[in-house]
Protein backbone atom coordinates (compact mmCIF):
# COMPACT_ATOMS: atom_id res chain seq x y z
CA MET A 1 122.73 51.19 93.41
CA THR A 2 121.27 50.47 90.10
CA PRO A 3 122.14 53.32 87.51
CA PRO A 4 119.07 55.13 86.17
CA PRO A 5 118.05 54.94 82.48
CA ARG A 6 119.62 57.47 80.05
CA LEU A 7 118.01 60.86 81.09
CA THR A 8 117.78 63.64 78.58
CA LEU A 9 117.87 66.80 80.60
CA GLY A 10 120.17 68.65 78.06
CA THR A 11 122.14 71.91 79.12
CA PRO A 12 121.15 73.35 82.33
CA PRO A 13 119.94 77.14 82.37
CA ALA A 14 122.57 79.75 83.20
CA PRO A 15 122.78 80.17 87.00
CA PRO A 16 121.22 83.35 88.32
CA ARG A 17 123.53 86.33 88.98
CA PRO A 18 123.11 87.45 92.57
CA PRO A 19 123.19 91.33 92.98
CA PRO A 20 126.35 92.78 94.35
CA TRP A 21 126.65 92.57 98.23
CA TRP A 22 126.80 96.48 98.61
CA THR A 23 123.40 96.66 96.66
CA LEU A 24 121.70 94.43 99.26
CA LEU A 25 123.22 96.11 102.03
CA GLY A 26 122.25 99.63 100.71
CA ALA A 27 118.75 98.39 100.06
CA ARG A 28 118.31 97.05 103.57
CA ALA A 29 119.84 100.18 105.07
CA GLY A 30 117.64 102.27 102.79
CA GLU A 31 114.50 100.54 104.05
CA LEU A 32 115.14 100.95 107.77
CA VAL A 33 116.14 104.70 106.94
CA ALA A 34 112.92 105.32 105.06
CA VAL A 35 110.64 103.67 107.58
CA GLY A 36 112.35 105.69 110.61
CA TRP A 37 112.21 108.96 108.64
CA GLY A 38 108.66 108.29 107.36
CA VAL A 39 107.47 107.87 110.99
CA PHE A 40 109.16 110.97 112.01
CA CYS A 41 107.78 113.00 109.10
CA LEU A 42 104.25 111.66 109.62
CA LEU A 43 104.52 112.85 113.28
CA ARG A 44 105.64 116.13 112.09
CA VAL A 45 103.48 116.67 109.05
CA GLY A 46 100.72 118.63 110.53
CA ALA A 47 103.32 121.32 111.54
CA VAL A 48 105.03 121.77 108.05
CA PRO A 49 103.47 124.05 105.57
CA ASP A 50 101.80 122.76 102.40
CA HIS A 51 104.11 122.16 99.29
CA HIS A 52 107.13 121.88 101.66
CA PRO A 53 109.53 119.08 100.37
CA LEU A 54 109.30 117.56 103.89
CA LYS A 55 105.75 117.24 103.56
CA ILE A 56 105.85 115.77 100.11
CA LEU A 57 108.54 113.22 101.31
CA ALA A 58 106.34 112.32 104.31
CA LEU A 59 103.30 111.68 102.05
CA VAL A 60 105.26 109.36 99.58
CA VAL A 61 106.84 107.35 102.51
CA GLY A 62 103.54 107.39 104.35
CA VAL A 63 101.93 105.74 101.33
CA VAL A 64 104.73 102.94 101.50
CA ILE A 65 104.03 102.45 105.26
CA THR A 66 100.12 102.29 104.65
CA LEU A 67 100.55 99.59 101.93
CA VAL A 68 102.68 97.61 104.31
CA VAL A 69 100.14 97.86 107.17
CA VAL A 70 97.11 97.03 105.08
CA VAL A 71 98.89 93.95 103.50
CA THR A 72 99.89 92.77 106.81
CA VAL A 73 96.38 93.12 107.99
CA HIS A 74 95.30 91.08 104.85
CA GLU A 75 97.59 88.36 105.19
CA ALA A 76 96.76 88.07 109.00
CA GLY A 77 93.13 87.58 107.88
CA HIS A 78 94.00 84.56 105.76
CA VAL A 79 96.11 83.08 108.54
CA VAL A 80 93.47 83.57 111.09
CA ALA A 81 90.61 82.00 108.76
CA ALA A 82 92.94 79.18 108.02
CA TRP A 83 93.70 78.41 111.84
CA LEU A 84 89.94 78.58 112.43
CA CYS A 85 89.20 76.03 109.83
CA GLY A 86 91.91 73.59 111.11
CA GLY A 87 94.71 74.80 108.77
CA THR A 88 98.46 75.24 109.71
CA LEU A 89 100.62 78.26 108.67
CA LEU A 90 103.58 77.20 106.73
CA SER A 91 104.86 80.74 105.54
CA VAL A 92 103.61 84.48 105.33
CA ARG A 93 105.60 87.13 103.39
CA VAL A 94 105.12 90.76 104.04
CA GLY A 95 107.43 93.33 102.69
CA PRO A 96 111.01 92.22 103.43
CA PHE A 97 110.09 89.89 106.04
CA VAL A 98 109.09 86.20 106.08
CA VAL A 99 107.72 83.93 108.72
CA ARG A 100 108.29 80.20 108.06
CA ARG A 101 107.38 77.06 109.94
CA HIS A 102 110.27 74.73 110.63
CA PRO A 103 110.22 71.43 112.58
CA CYS A 104 111.41 73.54 115.75
CA GLY A 105 108.41 76.08 115.18
CA LEU A 106 107.89 79.53 113.33
CA ARG A 107 111.00 81.73 112.58
CA VAL A 108 111.18 85.13 111.20
CA ALA A 109 113.82 85.97 108.33
CA LEU A 110 114.61 88.72 105.88
CA SER A 111 113.33 88.06 102.35
CA VAL A 112 113.78 89.72 98.98
CA TRP A 113 112.02 93.07 98.89
CA ARG A 114 109.35 92.77 96.28
CA GLY A 115 107.39 96.24 96.97
CA PRO A 116 105.18 97.48 99.82
CA HIS A 117 102.26 95.78 98.01
CA ALA A 118 103.68 92.26 98.02
CA GLY A 119 102.25 89.76 100.48
CA ALA A 120 101.53 86.13 100.38
CA ALA A 121 100.49 83.56 103.08
CA LEU A 122 100.52 79.71 102.55
CA CYS A 123 98.37 77.72 104.86
CA VAL A 124 97.50 74.01 104.56
CA ARG A 125 95.83 71.25 106.20
CA LEU A 126 98.63 68.84 107.30
CA GLY A 127 98.17 65.53 105.61
CA ARG A 128 94.69 66.06 103.98
CA ALA A 129 93.08 68.40 101.68
CA TRP A 130 90.96 71.59 102.09
CA SER A 131 87.36 71.18 101.60
CA ARG A 132 85.87 73.92 98.97
CA ARG A 133 83.84 75.52 101.86
CA ALA A 134 86.91 75.83 104.14
CA PHE A 135 88.99 77.05 101.35
CA ALA A 136 86.38 79.80 100.32
CA LEU A 137 86.47 80.88 104.06
CA VAL A 138 90.13 81.19 103.97
CA LEU A 139 90.04 83.17 100.73
CA LEU A 140 87.44 85.57 102.26
CA GLY A 141 89.65 85.96 105.50
CA GLY A 142 91.92 88.61 103.91
CA PRO A 143 89.38 90.86 102.35
CA ALA A 144 87.22 90.64 105.39
CA ALA A 145 90.12 91.59 107.75
CA ASN A 146 90.71 94.70 105.54
CA LEU A 147 87.11 95.73 105.78
CA VAL A 148 86.80 95.37 109.43
CA PHE A 149 90.07 97.19 110.05
CA GLY A 150 89.12 99.89 107.57
CA LEU A 151 85.79 100.63 109.32
CA VAL A 152 87.66 100.60 112.68
CA MET A 153 89.97 103.31 111.35
CA VAL A 154 87.00 105.29 110.07
CA GLY A 155 85.71 105.21 113.46
CA VAL A 156 89.06 106.28 115.02
CA ALA A 157 89.48 109.08 112.21
CA THR A 158 86.08 110.60 113.28
CA GLN A 159 86.94 110.92 116.71
CA MET A 160 90.32 112.72 116.01
CA VAL A 161 90.56 116.61 115.50
CA ARG A 162 89.92 117.52 112.09
CA GLY A 163 93.12 118.24 110.14
CA SER A 164 95.30 116.67 112.98
CA THR A 165 98.01 114.24 111.97
CA PRO A 166 96.56 111.09 113.92
CA GLY A 167 93.19 111.86 112.00
CA PHE A 168 95.29 111.98 108.78
CA VAL A 169 96.90 108.73 109.43
CA ALA A 170 93.85 106.85 110.45
CA GLY A 171 91.81 108.19 107.39
CA THR A 172 94.56 107.08 105.17
CA LEU A 173 94.84 103.61 106.73
CA ALA A 174 90.98 103.43 106.54
CA MET A 175 90.73 104.48 102.90
CA ALA A 176 93.64 102.15 101.86
CA SER A 177 92.29 99.02 103.81
CA LEU A 178 88.85 99.35 102.40
CA LEU A 179 90.01 99.72 98.92
CA ILE A 180 92.34 96.62 99.17
CA GLY A 181 89.43 94.71 100.51
CA VAL A 182 87.18 95.56 97.93
CA LEU A 183 89.53 95.20 95.09
CA ASN A 184 90.48 91.67 96.21
CA VAL A 185 86.87 90.25 96.25
CA VAL A 186 86.26 91.52 92.64
CA PRO A 187 86.87 88.63 90.25
CA TRP A 188 89.71 90.03 88.06
CA SER A 189 90.33 87.76 85.46
CA SER A 190 93.74 89.21 84.68
CA ILE A 191 94.93 88.50 88.03
CA PRO A 192 94.50 84.79 88.57
CA ILE A 193 95.96 84.80 92.10
CA ALA A 194 93.25 87.47 93.50
CA ASP A 195 90.99 86.12 96.10
CA GLY A 196 87.86 87.06 94.22
CA GLN A 197 89.00 85.36 91.05
CA ARG A 198 89.81 82.19 93.08
CA LEU A 199 86.19 82.35 94.75
CA LEU A 200 84.73 82.68 91.36
CA GLU A 201 86.57 79.64 90.11
CA LEU A 202 85.45 77.64 93.24
CA ALA A 203 81.77 78.57 92.86
CA ARG A 204 81.90 77.54 89.13
CA SER A 205 83.78 74.41 90.04
CA THR A 206 86.24 75.03 87.10
CA PRO A 207 89.25 72.96 86.38
CA THR A 208 91.46 75.64 87.70
CA ALA A 209 89.82 75.50 91.13
CA ASP A 210 90.33 71.84 91.18
CA GLN A 211 93.92 72.22 90.32
CA THR A 212 94.55 74.80 92.91
CA LEU A 213 92.86 72.54 95.55
CA ALA A 214 94.97 69.61 94.49
CA LEU A 215 98.12 71.59 94.89
CA TYR A 216 97.30 72.66 98.35
CA GLU A 217 96.33 69.05 99.16
CA LEU A 218 99.74 67.82 97.97
CA THR A 219 101.41 70.66 99.79
CA GLY A 220 99.80 69.72 102.99
CA ILE A 221 100.67 65.96 102.51
CA ALA A 222 104.19 66.91 101.79
CA ALA A 223 104.27 69.10 104.79
CA ALA A 224 103.26 66.37 107.01
CA GLY A 225 106.33 64.38 106.19
CA VAL A 226 104.72 61.92 103.63
CA ARG A 227 107.22 60.84 101.00
CA PRO A 228 106.50 61.50 97.31
CA SER A 229 105.85 58.05 96.26
CA ARG A 230 102.89 57.78 98.68
CA TRP A 231 101.31 60.94 97.59
CA PRO A 232 97.83 60.12 96.07
CA ALA A 233 98.04 59.60 92.32
CA GLU A 234 94.68 61.12 91.69
CA ALA A 235 95.63 64.45 93.26
CA VAL A 236 98.93 64.43 91.54
CA ALA A 237 97.14 64.10 88.13
CA ARG A 238 94.82 66.99 89.11
CA ALA A 239 97.60 69.12 90.25
CA SER A 240 99.04 68.81 86.49
CA GLN A 241 95.89 68.49 84.58
CA LEU A 242 95.95 72.02 82.85
CA GLY A 243 99.51 71.74 81.56
CA VAL A 244 102.66 73.54 82.47
CA THR A 245 101.50 77.13 80.88
CA SER A 246 98.46 77.17 83.29
CA PRO A 247 98.92 79.59 86.28
CA ALA A 248 99.60 76.92 88.57
CA GLY A 249 101.08 74.60 86.04
CA PRO A 250 104.86 74.89 86.89
CA ALA A 251 104.12 74.13 90.50
CA GLY A 252 101.78 71.10 89.59
CA HIS A 253 104.43 69.59 87.23
CA LEU A 254 107.18 70.01 89.66
CA LEU A 255 105.19 67.89 92.37
CA ARG A 256 104.55 65.46 89.63
CA ALA A 257 108.33 65.26 88.86
CA TYR A 258 108.89 64.51 92.76
CA HIS A 259 106.25 61.99 92.66
CA ARG A 260 107.56 60.19 89.54
CA GLU A 261 111.31 60.48 90.74
CA ASP A 262 110.45 58.72 93.96
CA LEU A 263 108.49 55.84 92.26
CA GLY A 264 111.48 55.23 89.98
CA ASP A 265 110.18 56.82 86.82
CA LEU A 266 113.08 59.26 86.09
CA VAL A 267 112.30 59.73 82.33
CA GLY A 268 109.06 61.01 83.16
CA ALA A 269 110.19 63.18 85.87
CA ALA A 270 112.82 64.58 83.67
CA GLU A 271 110.18 65.51 81.00
CA ASP A 272 108.15 67.35 83.79
CA LEU A 273 111.29 69.31 84.94
CA LEU A 274 112.18 70.25 81.37
CA MET A 275 108.69 71.62 80.87
CA VAL A 276 108.94 73.65 84.03
CA ILE A 277 112.24 75.10 83.08
CA ALA A 278 111.04 75.99 79.59
CA VAL A 279 108.32 78.23 80.89
CA GLY A 280 110.69 80.41 82.97
CA PRO A 281 109.15 79.84 86.49
CA SER A 282 109.58 81.87 89.75
CA PRO A 283 113.07 81.87 91.24
CA GLU A 284 111.85 79.46 93.86
CA LEU A 285 110.57 76.78 91.55
CA ARG A 286 113.57 77.10 89.25
CA PHE A 287 115.90 76.44 92.10
CA THR A 288 114.00 73.31 93.31
CA ALA A 289 113.61 72.05 89.60
CA CYS A 290 117.37 72.38 89.16
CA CYS A 291 118.29 70.75 92.48
CA LEU A 292 115.99 67.78 91.66
CA ALA A 293 117.57 67.36 88.15
CA ALA A 294 120.95 67.31 90.02
CA HIS A 295 119.66 64.55 92.47
CA MET A 296 118.29 62.45 89.66
CA LEU A 297 121.70 62.82 87.52
CA ALA A 298 123.82 62.12 90.64
CA ARG A 299 122.33 58.50 90.76
CA ASP A 300 125.05 57.47 88.08
CA PRO A 301 128.37 58.47 89.06
CA ALA A 302 129.20 58.55 85.33
CA ARG A 303 127.07 61.64 85.17
CA ALA A 304 128.46 63.53 87.99
CA ALA A 305 129.67 66.37 85.96
CA GLU A 306 126.14 66.97 84.59
CA ALA A 307 124.76 66.89 88.10
CA ARG A 308 127.34 69.52 89.07
CA ALA A 309 126.27 71.57 86.25
CA TRP A 310 122.50 71.50 87.30
CA PHE A 311 123.49 72.06 90.81
CA GLU A 312 125.46 75.11 89.85
CA ALA A 313 122.58 76.42 87.72
CA ALA A 314 120.29 76.29 90.94
CA GLY A 315 122.06 79.14 92.35
CA PRO A 316 122.88 79.84 95.97
CA GLY A 317 119.50 78.90 97.40
CA GLY A 318 119.32 81.81 99.82
CA SER A 319 115.63 80.80 100.85
CA ASP A 320 116.18 77.26 101.13
CA PRO A 321 119.82 76.64 102.42
CA ALA A 322 118.78 73.11 103.55
CA SER A 323 118.00 71.85 99.97
CA HIS A 324 120.99 73.44 98.66
CA ASP A 325 123.28 71.82 101.11
CA LEU A 326 121.71 68.48 100.64
CA THR A 327 121.96 68.76 96.76
CA ARG A 328 125.70 69.73 97.22
CA ALA A 329 126.15 66.72 99.44
CA VAL A 330 124.49 64.33 96.85
CA VAL A 331 126.65 65.96 93.95
CA LEU A 332 129.90 65.52 95.97
CA ALA A 333 129.14 61.85 96.85
CA ALA A 334 128.74 61.19 92.99
CA GLU A 335 132.12 62.88 92.41
CA GLY A 336 133.74 60.61 94.73
CA GLU A 337 134.16 63.19 97.47
CA SER A 338 132.77 61.03 100.22
CA ALA A 339 134.33 62.61 103.16
CA ALA A 340 133.01 66.02 102.22
CA ALA A 341 129.73 64.89 101.35
CA ALA A 342 129.42 63.02 104.85
CA GLU A 343 130.50 66.13 106.69
CA ILE A 344 127.71 68.11 105.05
CA ALA A 345 124.99 65.60 105.62
CA PHE A 346 126.14 65.26 109.34
CA ARG A 347 126.04 69.00 109.98
CA LEU A 348 122.61 69.26 108.16
CA ALA A 349 121.16 66.33 110.09
CA ARG A 350 122.29 68.10 113.28
CA ASP A 351 120.51 71.38 112.34
CA LEU A 352 117.56 70.12 110.47
CA ASP A 353 114.96 71.04 112.96
CA ARG A 354 116.02 74.73 112.52
CA VAL A 355 116.69 74.79 108.72
CA TRP A 356 114.10 72.65 107.08
CA LEU A 357 111.29 74.38 105.29
CA SER A 358 108.55 72.08 106.61
CA PRO A 359 107.02 71.24 109.95
CA VAL A 360 107.86 67.36 109.39
CA VAL A 361 111.06 66.18 107.71
CA SER A 362 109.96 63.47 105.23
CA GLU A 363 111.10 59.73 105.28
CA ASP A 364 113.02 59.76 102.08
CA THR A 365 115.04 62.95 103.30
CA HIS A 366 115.98 61.04 106.54
CA GLU A 367 117.14 58.15 104.63
CA LEU A 368 119.25 60.06 102.25
CA LEU A 369 121.01 61.96 105.02
CA GLN A 370 121.48 58.61 106.81
CA ARG A 371 123.12 57.25 103.72
CA LEU A 372 125.29 60.23 103.12
CA ALA A 373 126.40 60.34 106.58
CA SER A 374 127.43 56.70 106.66
CA LEU A 375 129.98 57.74 104.18
CA ARG A 376 131.98 59.37 107.01
CA SER A 377 133.19 56.00 108.15
């Protein structure tokens, strides 16, 4: 293998410090207790006098449960709209749960708790781009689901006995769902990812909307198993056209780094990675950027120590164990630990359908796993 040109990646960022295991255990136990206790309190709230601590606690926990319900309805609306427009669900996150599509199908897992208001759905057209009209319909699906659900809950609440617990719950859900639906279609310029803001950008055909469509196009192409060197160069350019400081800039430059790396332009890929790291991206993007840097450096066995440093900087990779294990195998191979690298690659290839975070495993990933597994002999 020809050694790559001298890359200038510098010192990797400090690896993230995971929280102690007992805090994660406590958080999970606390969530389960809170939900169970909240349901019990909501069923009993009508029999408790006003200003009683139990009633106050029930209202607080009830707000959390209400937000989780209306966010679930909102994300389900996006998913259904995408399905009707020919899209495929890649992942959806609501509360502490995330549903991801693997080669073997959809699987549910626990995720980092980001609050009851946090939710996100990623739907793409495999191997092709969204049209502007279809993407607008997908954006409208979430608010529309909230509005329909809210009106249904209004009808349910009017049929309940006034002051009863079921009526109170239905009324609360109706108010929250209608509020979330209306707020999401308002073009909040301070919230770039709000549905209303994205719809406004689409209507104006702004560069931001063009960048967003390019990102979804490349994500759909990558999810279909197309290797980065075969991604459309025009879409790659659009995804990074607004610079790394734009809302979608880090993701666009990271995709361009993958494209350049697979084409052999390691210097250009390194420039993109350094820009992504410099802006302090999300933990997921940071993990991916560090893994790609380790892959690039591991091409030259003389730089195995630098590859190891970038791999350690990526962190544990809890949300993407397959990429973490693949990068570890590549670094071990560069360090001369052929047997250990081959064992990891063999195990990963065996379990790939259950752990890979994409419906289709790309050609370049299969090639890399086969090369690493061949070190076993």
